[in-house]
Amino acid sequence: YGSGIHHAEWVHSGCFVTDQDGNMQFGEAGQPKIIVC
């Protein structure tokens, strides 16, 4: 769902945060940690 991406110069992508082994990381409330790249 990259709407408008044909004409984009920059890309905005959400990512789950993991450790070095690929294990997802969670916040204090138990929700996955996410960054927008």
All heavy atoms as atom14 arrays in JSON, in Angstrom:
{
  "sequence": "YGSGIHHAEWVHSGCFVTDQDGNMQFGEAGQPKIIVC",
  "atom14_mask": [
    [1, 1, 1, 1, 1, 1, 1, 1, 1, 1, 1, 1, 0, 0],
    [1, 1, 1, 1, 0, 0, 0, 0, 0, 0, 0, 0, 0, 0],
    [1, 1, 1, 1, 1, 1, 0, 0, 0, 0, 0, 0, 0, 0],
    [1, 1, 1, 1, 0, 0, 0, 0, 0, 0, 0, 0, 0, 0],
    [1, 1, 1, 1, 1, 1, 1, 1, 0, 0, 0, 0, 0, 0],
    [1, 1, 1, 1, 1, 1, 1, 1, 1, 1, 0, 0, 0, 0],
    [1, 1, 1, 1, 1, 1, 1, 1, 1, 1, 0, 0, 0, 0],
    [1, 1, 1, 1, 1, 0, 0, 0, 0, 0, 0, 0, 0, 0],
    [1, 1, 1, 1, 1, 1, 1, 1, 1, 0, 0, 0, 0, 0],
    [1, 1, 1, 1, 1, 1, 1, 1, 1, 1, 1, 1, 1, 1],
    [1, 1, 1, 1, 1, 1, 1, 0, 0, 0, 0, 0, 0, 0],
    [1, 1, 1, 1, 1, 1, 1, 1, 1, 1, 0, 0, 0, 0],
    [1, 1, 1, 1, 1, 1, 0, 0, 0, 0, 0, 0, 0, 0],
    [1, 1, 1, 1, 0, 0, 0, 0, 0, 0, 0, 0, 0, 0],
    [1, 1, 1, 1, 1, 1, 0, 0, 0, 0, 0, 0, 0, 0],
    [1, 1, 1, 1, 1, 1, 1, 1, 1, 1, 1, 0, 0, 0],
    [1, 1, 1, 1, 1, 1, 1, 0, 0, 0, 0, 0, 0, 0],
    [1, 1, 1, 1, 1, 1, 1, 0, 0, 0, 0, 0, 0, 0],
    [1, 1, 1, 1, 1, 1, 1, 1, 0, 0, 0, 0, 0, 0],
    [1, 1, 1, 1, 1, 1, 1, 1, 1, 0, 0, 0, 0, 0],
    [1, 1, 1, 1, 1, 1, 1, 1, 0, 0, 0, 0, 0, 0],
    [1, 1, 1, 1, 0, 0, 0, 0, 0, 0, 0, 0, 0, 0],
    [1, 1, 1, 1, 1, 1, 1, 1, 0, 0, 0, 0, 0, 0],
    [1, 1, 1, 1, 1, 1, 1, 1, 0, 0, 0, 0, 0, 0],
    [1, 1, 1, 1, 1, 1, 1, 1, 1, 0, 0, 0, 0, 0],
    [1, 1, 1, 1, 1, 1, 1, 1, 1, 1, 1, 0, 0, 0],
    [1, 1, 1, 1, 0, 0, 0, 0, 0, 0, 0, 0, 0, 0],
    [1, 1, 1, 1, 1, 1, 1, 1, 1, 0, 0, 0, 0, 0],
    [1, 1, 1, 1, 1, 0, 0, 0, 0, 0, 0, 0, 0, 0],
    [1, 1, 1, 1, 0, 0, 0, 0, 0, 0, 0, 0, 0, 0],
    [1, 1, 1, 1, 1, 1, 1, 1, 1, 0, 0, 0, 0, 0],
    [1, 1, 1, 1, 1, 1, 1, 0, 0, 0, 0, 0, 0, 0],
    [1, 1, 1, 1, 1, 1, 1, 1, 1, 0, 0, 0, 0, 0],
    [1, 1, 1, 1, 1, 1, 1, 1, 0, 0, 0, 0, 0, 0],
    [1, 1, 1, 1, 1, 1, 1, 1, 0, 0, 0, 0, 0, 0],
    [1, 1, 1, 1, 1, 1, 1, 0, 0, 0, 0, 0, 0, 0],
    [1, 1, 1, 1, 1, 1, 0, 0, 0, 0, 0, 0, 0, 0]
  ],
  "atom14_positions": [
    [[0.8, -1.22, 0.0], [0.0, 0.0, 0.0], [0.84, 1.28, 0.0], [0.61, 2.19, 0.78], [-0.97, 0.0, 1.18], [-1.87, -1.2, 1.22], [-1.78, -2.15, 2.24], [-2.81, -1.42, 0.21], [-2.6, -3.28, 2.26], [-3.63, -2.54, 0.23], [-3.52, -3.46, 1.25], [-4.32, -4.58, 1.27], [0.0, 0.0, 0.0], [0.0, 0.0, 0.0]],
    [[1.8, 1.34, -0.89], [2.62, 2.55, -1.02], [1.93, 3.58, -1.91], [2.42, 3.9, -3.0], [0.0, 0.0, 0.0], [0.0, 0.0, 0.0], [0.0, 0.0, 0.0], [0.0, 0.0, 0.0], [0.0, 0.0, 0.0], [0.0, 0.0, 0.0], [0.0, 0.0, 0.0], [0.0, 0.0, 0.0], [0.0, 0.0, 0.0], [0.0, 0.0, 0.0]],
    [[0.82, 4.14, -1.46], [0.03, 5.05, -2.29], [0.86, 6.24, -2.78], [1.48, 6.94, -1.98], [-1.17, 5.57, -1.5], [-2.01, 4.52, -1.1], [0.0, 0.0, 0.0], [0.0, 0.0, 0.0], [0.0, 0.0, 0.0], [0.0, 0.0, 0.0], [0.0, 0.0, 0.0], [0.0, 0.0, 0.0], [0.0, 0.0, 0.0], [0.0, 0.0, 0.0]],
    [[0.86, 6.45, -4.1], [1.61, 7.56, -4.68], [3.08, 7.3, -4.85], [3.84, 8.2, -5.22], [0.0, 0.0, 0.0], [0.0, 0.0, 0.0], [0.0, 0.0, 0.0], [0.0, 0.0, 0.0], [0.0, 0.0, 0.0], [0.0, 0.0, 0.0], [0.0, 0.0, 0.0], [0.0, 0.0, 0.0], [0.0, 0.0, 0.0], [0.0, 0.0, 0.0]],
    [[3.52, 6.08, -4.62], [4.96, 5.8, -4.58], [5.62, 5.9, -5.94], [6.84, 6.07, -6.04], [5.2, 4.42, -3.92], [6.6, 4.35, -3.33], [4.9, 3.28, -4.89], [6.8, 3.2, -2.36], [0.0, 0.0, 0.0], [0.0, 0.0, 0.0], [0.0, 0.0, 0.0], [0.0, 0.0, 0.0], [0.0, 0.0, 0.0], [0.0, 0.0, 0.0]],
    [[4.84, 5.82, -7.02], [5.41, 5.97, -8.36], [6.09, 7.32, -8.51], [7.1, 7.43, -9.22], [4.3, 5.81, -9.41], [4.77, 5.99, -10.82], [5.39, 4.99, -11.53], [4.72, 7.08, -11.65], [5.69, 5.44, -12.73], [5.29, 6.7, -12.83], [0.0, 0.0, 0.0], [0.0, 0.0, 0.0], [0.0, 0.0, 0.0], [0.0, 0.0, 0.0]],
    [[5.56, 8.34, -7.85], [6.12, 9.69, -7.98], [6.91, 10.12, -6.74], [7.25, 11.3, -6.6], [5.0, 10.7, -8.22], [4.36, 10.58, -9.57], [3.16, 9.92, -9.78], [4.77, 11.02, -10.78], [2.86, 9.98, -11.07], [3.81, 10.63, -11.7], [0.0, 0.0, 0.0], [0.0, 0.0, 0.0], [0.0, 0.0, 0.0], [0.0, 0.0, 0.0]],
    [[7.21, 9.2, -5.85], [7.89, 9.57, -4.6], [9.39, 9.75, -4.81], [10.01, 9.11, -5.65], [7.65, 8.5, -3.55], [0.0, 0.0, 0.0], [0.0, 0.0, 0.0], [0.0, 0.0, 0.0], [0.0, 0.0, 0.0], [0.0, 0.0, 0.0], [0.0, 0.0, 0.0], [0.0, 0.0, 0.0], [0.0, 0.0, 0.0], [0.0, 0.0, 0.0]],
    [[9.96, 10.63, -4.0], [11.42, 10.78, -3.93], [11.97, 10.16, -2.65], [13.12, 9.78, -2.59], [11.77, 12.27, -3.97], [11.39, 12.93, -5.28], [11.22, 14.42, -5.17], [10.54, 14.88, -4.23], [11.76, 15.14, -6.02], [0.0, 0.0, 0.0], [0.0, 0.0, 0.0], [0.0, 0.0, 0.0], [0.0, 0.0, 0.0], [0.0, 0.0, 0.0]],
    [[11.1, 10.09, -1.63], [11.46, 9.47, -0.36], [10.39, 8.46, 0.01], [9.23, 8.63, -0.35], [11.62, 10.52, 0.74], [12.82, 11.38, 0.57], [12.92, 12.54, -0.14], [14.14, 11.11, 1.07], [14.19, 13.03, -0.1], [14.97, 12.17, 0.63], [14.69, 10.1, 1.84], [16.32, 12.23, 0.95], [16.04, 10.15, 2.16], [16.83, 11.21, 1.73]],
    [[10.79, 7.44, 0.73], [9.89, 6.35, 1.11], [9.78, 6.3, 2.64], [10.77, 6.48, 3.35], [10.4, 5.01, 0.56], [9.48, 3.86, 0.98], [10.5, 5.06, -0.96], [0.0, 0.0, 0.0], [0.0, 0.0, 0.0], [0.0, 0.0, 0.0], [0.0, 0.0, 0.0], [0.0, 0.0, 0.0], [0.0, 0.0, 0.0], [0.0, 0.0, 0.0]],
    [[8.58, 6.03, 3.1], [8.21, 6.02, 4.52], [7.77, 4.59, 4.84], [6.78, 4.12, 4.3], [7.09, 7.06, 4.67], [6.1, 6.89, 5.76], [6.03, 7.76, 6.82], [5.07, 6.02, 5.93], [5.01, 7.42, 7.6], [4.42, 6.37, 7.08], [0.0, 0.0, 0.0], [0.0, 0.0, 0.0], [0.0, 0.0, 0.0], [0.0, 0.0, 0.0]],
    [[8.56, 3.87, 5.66], [8.32, 2.44, 5.86], [8.31, 2.09, 7.35], [9.28, 2.39, 8.07], [9.4, 1.61, 5.16], [9.46, 1.9, 3.79], [0.0, 0.0, 0.0], [0.0, 0.0, 0.0], [0.0, 0.0, 0.0], [0.0, 0.0, 0.0], [0.0, 0.0, 0.0], [0.0, 0.0, 0.0], [0.0, 0.0, 0.0], [0.0, 0.0, 0.0]],
    [[7.26, 1.43, 7.81], [7.18, 0.99, 9.19], [7.91, -0.32, 9.4], [7.84, -1.22, 8.57], [0.0, 0.0, 0.0], [0.0, 0.0, 0.0], [0.0, 0.0, 0.0], [0.0, 0.0, 0.0], [0.0, 0.0, 0.0], [0.0, 0.0, 0.0], [0.0, 0.0, 0.0], [0.0, 0.0, 0.0], [0.0, 0.0, 0.0], [0.0, 0.0, 0.0]],
    [[8.61, -0.43, 10.54], [9.38, -1.64, 10.84], [9.21, -2.02, 12.31], [9.3, -1.17, 13.2], [10.88, -1.42, 10.58], [11.34, -1.21, 8.85], [0.0, 0.0, 0.0], [0.0, 0.0, 0.0], [0.0, 0.0, 0.0], [0.0, 0.0, 0.0], [0.0, 0.0, 0.0], [0.0, 0.0, 0.0], [0.0, 0.0, 0.0], [0.0, 0.0, 0.0]],
    [[9.01, -3.32, 12.56], [9.1, -3.84, 13.91], [10.57, -3.87, 14.33], [11.45, -4.24, 13.53], [8.55, -5.27, 13.98], [7.06, -5.36, 13.79], [6.52, -5.92, 12.64], [6.18, -4.91, 14.78], [5.15, -6.03, 12.47], [4.81, -5.02, 14.62], [4.29, -5.57, 13.46], [0.0, 0.0, 0.0], [0.0, 0.0, 0.0], [0.0, 0.0, 0.0]],
    [[10.83, -3.49, 15.56], [12.2, -3.53, 16.09], [12.49, -4.94, 16.6], [11.69, -5.54, 17.32], [12.37, -2.5, 17.22], [13.75, -2.63, 17.85], [12.16, -1.08, 16.68], [0.0, 0.0, 0.0], [0.0, 0.0, 0.0], [0.0, 0.0, 0.0], [0.0, 0.0, 0.0], [0.0, 0.0, 0.0], [0.0, 0.0, 0.0], [0.0, 0.0, 0.0]],
    [[13.64, -5.47, 16.21], [14.08, -6.79, 16.67], [15.46, -6.68, 17.31], [16.13, -5.66, 17.19], [14.14, -7.8, 15.52], [15.28, -7.5, 14.69], [12.88, -7.78, 14.68], [0.0, 0.0, 0.0], [0.0, 0.0, 0.0], [0.0, 0.0, 0.0], [0.0, 0.0, 0.0], [0.0, 0.0, 0.0], [0.0, 0.0, 0.0], [0.0, 0.0, 0.0]],
    [[15.88, -7.77, 17.96], [17.27, -7.84, 18.39], [18.09, -8.43, 17.26], [17.59, -8.66, 16.14], [17.4, -8.65, 19.69], [16.96, -10.11, 19.53], [16.84, -10.6, 18.38], [16.74, -10.78, 20.56], [0.0, 0.0, 0.0], [0.0, 0.0, 0.0], [0.0, 0.0, 0.0], [0.0, 0.0, 0.0], [0.0, 0.0, 0.0], [0.0, 0.0, 0.0]],
    [[19.37, -8.72, 17.51], [20.25, -9.2, 16.46], [19.84, -10.57, 15.92], [20.19, -10.94, 14.8], [21.69, -9.24, 16.96], [22.27, -7.86, 17.26], [22.25, -6.93, 16.05], [22.59, -7.33, 14.95], [21.83, -5.68, 16.26], [0.0, 0.0, 0.0], [0.0, 0.0, 0.0], [0.0, 0.0, 0.0], [0.0, 0.0, 0.0], [0.0, 0.0, 0.0]],
    [[19.09, -11.32, 16.72], [18.66, -12.65, 16.3], [17.28, -12.65, 15.66], [16.74, -13.72, 15.35], [18.66, -13.6, 17.5], [20.05, -13.79, 18.09], [21.02, -13.86, 17.29], [20.17, -13.84, 19.33], [0.0, 0.0, 0.0], [0.0, 0.0, 0.0], [0.0, 0.0, 0.0], [0.0, 0.0, 0.0], [0.0, 0.0, 0.0], [0.0, 0.0, 0.0]],
    [[16.7, -11.47, 15.47], [15.4, -11.38, 14.83], [14.22, -11.49, 15.76], [13.08, -11.58, 15.3], [0.0, 0.0, 0.0], [0.0, 0.0, 0.0], [0.0, 0.0, 0.0], [0.0, 0.0, 0.0], [0.0, 0.0, 0.0], [0.0, 0.0, 0.0], [0.0, 0.0, 0.0], [0.0, 0.0, 0.0], [0.0, 0.0, 0.0], [0.0, 0.0, 0.0]],
    [[14.45, -11.49, 17.06], [13.36, -11.56, 18.04], [12.74, -10.18, 18.23], [13.45, -9.2, 18.49], [13.88, -12.08, 19.38], [14.48, -13.46, 19.27], [13.86, -14.38, 18.74], [15.72, -13.61, 19.74], [0.0, 0.0, 0.0], [0.0, 0.0, 0.0], [0.0, 0.0, 0.0], [0.0, 0.0, 0.0], [0.0, 0.0, 0.0], [0.0, 0.0, 0.0]],
    [[11.42, -10.11, 18.1], [10.75, -8.83, 18.22], [10.88, -8.28, 19.63], [10.84, -9.02, 20.61], [9.28, -8.95, 17.82], [9.09, -9.09, 16.32], [7.37, -9.28, 15.8], [6.59, -7.91, 16.61], [0.0, 0.0, 0.0], [0.0, 0.0, 0.0], [0.0, 0.0, 0.0], [0.0, 0.0, 0.0], [0.0, 0.0, 0.0], [0.0, 0.0, 0.0]],
    [[11.0, -6.96, 19.72], [11.15, -6.27, 20.99], [9.82, -5.61, 21.36], [9.06, -5.16, 20.49], [12.25, -5.23, 20.89], [13.62, -5.82, 20.51], [14.12, -6.8, 21.55], [14.51, -6.4, 22.65], [14.11, -8.09, 21.22], [0.0, 0.0, 0.0], [0.0, 0.0, 0.0], [0.0, 0.0, 0.0], [0.0, 0.0, 0.0], [0.0, 0.0, 0.0]],
    [[9.56, -5.54, 22.68], [8.28, -5.03, 23.15], [8.49, -3.92, 24.16], [9.49, -3.88, 24.89], [7.46, -6.17, 23.78], [7.11, -7.25, 22.81], [7.97, -8.32, 22.58], [5.92, -7.19, 22.1], [7.65, -9.32, 21.67], [5.58, -8.18, 21.19], [6.45, -9.25, 20.97], [0.0, 0.0, 0.0], [0.0, 0.0, 0.0], [0.0, 0.0, 0.0]],
    [[7.5, -2.99, 24.2], [7.54, -1.9, 25.16], [7.02, -2.32, 26.51], [6.62, -3.47, 26.73], [0.0, 0.0, 0.0], [0.0, 0.0, 0.0], [0.0, 0.0, 0.0], [0.0, 0.0, 0.0], [0.0, 0.0, 0.0], [0.0, 0.0, 0.0], [0.0, 0.0, 0.0], [0.0, 0.0, 0.0], [0.0, 0.0, 0.0], [0.0, 0.0, 0.0]],
    [[6.98, -1.37, 27.44], [6.57, -1.66, 28.82], [5.13, -2.16, 28.9], [4.8, -2.98, 29.76], [6.73, -0.4, 29.68], [8.18, 0.02, 29.88], [8.29, 1.25, 30.76], [7.24, 1.74, 31.23], [9.42, 1.72, 30.98], [0.0, 0.0, 0.0], [0.0, 0.0, 0.0], [0.0, 0.0, 0.0], [0.0, 0.0, 0.0], [0.0, 0.0, 0.0]],
    [[4.28, -1.69, 27.99], [2.87, -2.11, 28.02], [2.64, -3.4, 27.23], [1.5, -3.84, 27.1], [1.99, -1.0, 27.47], [0.0, 0.0, 0.0], [0.0, 0.0, 0.0], [0.0, 0.0, 0.0], [0.0, 0.0, 0.0], [0.0, 0.0, 0.0], [0.0, 0.0, 0.0], [0.0, 0.0, 0.0], [0.0, 0.0, 0.0], [0.0, 0.0, 0.0]],
    [[3.72, -3.98, 26.73], [3.6, -5.24, 26.02], [3.37, -5.13, 24.53], [3.22, -6.14, 23.84], [0.0, 0.0, 0.0], [0.0, 0.0, 0.0], [0.0, 0.0, 0.0], [0.0, 0.0, 0.0], [0.0, 0.0, 0.0], [0.0, 0.0, 0.0], [0.0, 0.0, 0.0], [0.0, 0.0, 0.0], [0.0, 0.0, 0.0], [0.0, 0.0, 0.0]],
    [[3.31, -3.91, 23.99], [3.09, -3.74, 22.56], [4.43, -3.82, 21.82], [5.48, -3.47, 22.37], [2.41, -2.39, 22.28], [3.33, -1.18, 22.35], [3.65, -0.7, 23.75], [3.3, -1.36, 24.72], [4.29, 0.43, 23.85], [0.0, 0.0, 0.0], [0.0, 0.0, 0.0], [0.0, 0.0, 0.0], [0.0, 0.0, 0.0], [0.0, 0.0, 0.0]],
    [[4.43, -4.28, 20.57], [5.68, -4.34, 19.81], [6.29, -2.95, 19.63], [5.56, -1.96, 19.46], [5.25, -4.93, 18.46], [3.95, -5.58, 18.71], [3.29, -4.81, 19.81], [0.0, 0.0, 0.0], [0.0, 0.0, 0.0], [0.0, 0.0, 0.0], [0.0, 0.0, 0.0], [0.0, 0.0, 0.0], [0.0, 0.0, 0.0], [0.0, 0.0, 0.0]],
    [[7.6, -2.87, 19.66], [8.28, -1.63, 19.35], [8.33, -1.45, 17.84], [8.65, -2.39, 17.1], [9.69, -1.62, 19.93], [9.75, -1.52, 21.44], [11.19, -1.4, 21.93], [11.25, -1.23, 23.44], [12.65, -1.09, 23.92], [0.0, 0.0, 0.0], [0.0, 0.0, 0.0], [0.0, 0.0, 0.0], [0.0, 0.0, 0.0], [0.0, 0.0, 0.0]],
    [[8.01, -0.25, 17.39], [7.94, 0.04, 15.96], [8.67, 1.35, 15.69], [8.57, 2.3, 16.48], [6.47, 0.18, 15.5], [5.7, -1.12, 15.76], [6.38, 0.55, 14.02], [4.19, -0.96, 15.63], [0.0, 0.0, 0.0], [0.0, 0.0, 0.0], [0.0, 0.0, 0.0], [0.0, 0.0, 0.0], [0.0, 0.0, 0.0], [0.0, 0.0, 0.0]],
    [[9.4, 1.4, 14.58], [9.97, 2.67, 14.13], [9.49, 2.94, 12.71], [9.14, 2.01, 11.97], [11.51, 2.69, 14.18], [12.12, 1.61, 13.28], [12.01, 2.57, 15.61], [13.64, 1.74, 13.11], [0.0, 0.0, 0.0], [0.0, 0.0, 0.0], [0.0, 0.0, 0.0], [0.0, 0.0, 0.0], [0.0, 0.0, 0.0], [0.0, 0.0, 0.0]],
    [[9.44, 4.21, 12.35], [9.09, 4.61, 10.99], [10.36, 5.12, 10.32], [11.02, 6.04, 10.83], [8.0, 5.7, 10.99], [7.65, 6.09, 9.56], [6.77, 5.21, 11.73], [0.0, 0.0, 0.0], [0.0, 0.0, 0.0], [0.0, 0.0, 0.0], [0.0, 0.0, 0.0], [0.0, 0.0, 0.0], [0.0, 0.0, 0.0], [0.0, 0.0, 0.0]],
    [[10.71, 4.49, 9.21], [11.98, 4.73, 8.54], [11.78, 5.53, 7.26], [10.74, 5.44, 6.6], [12.62, 3.39, 8.18], [12.81, 2.27, 9.58], [0.0, 0.0, 0.0], [0.0, 0.0, 0.0], [0.0, 0.0, 0.0], [0.0, 0.0, 0.0], [0.0, 0.0, 0.0], [0.0, 0.0, 0.0], [0.0, 0.0, 0.0], [0.0, 0.0, 0.0]]
  ]
}
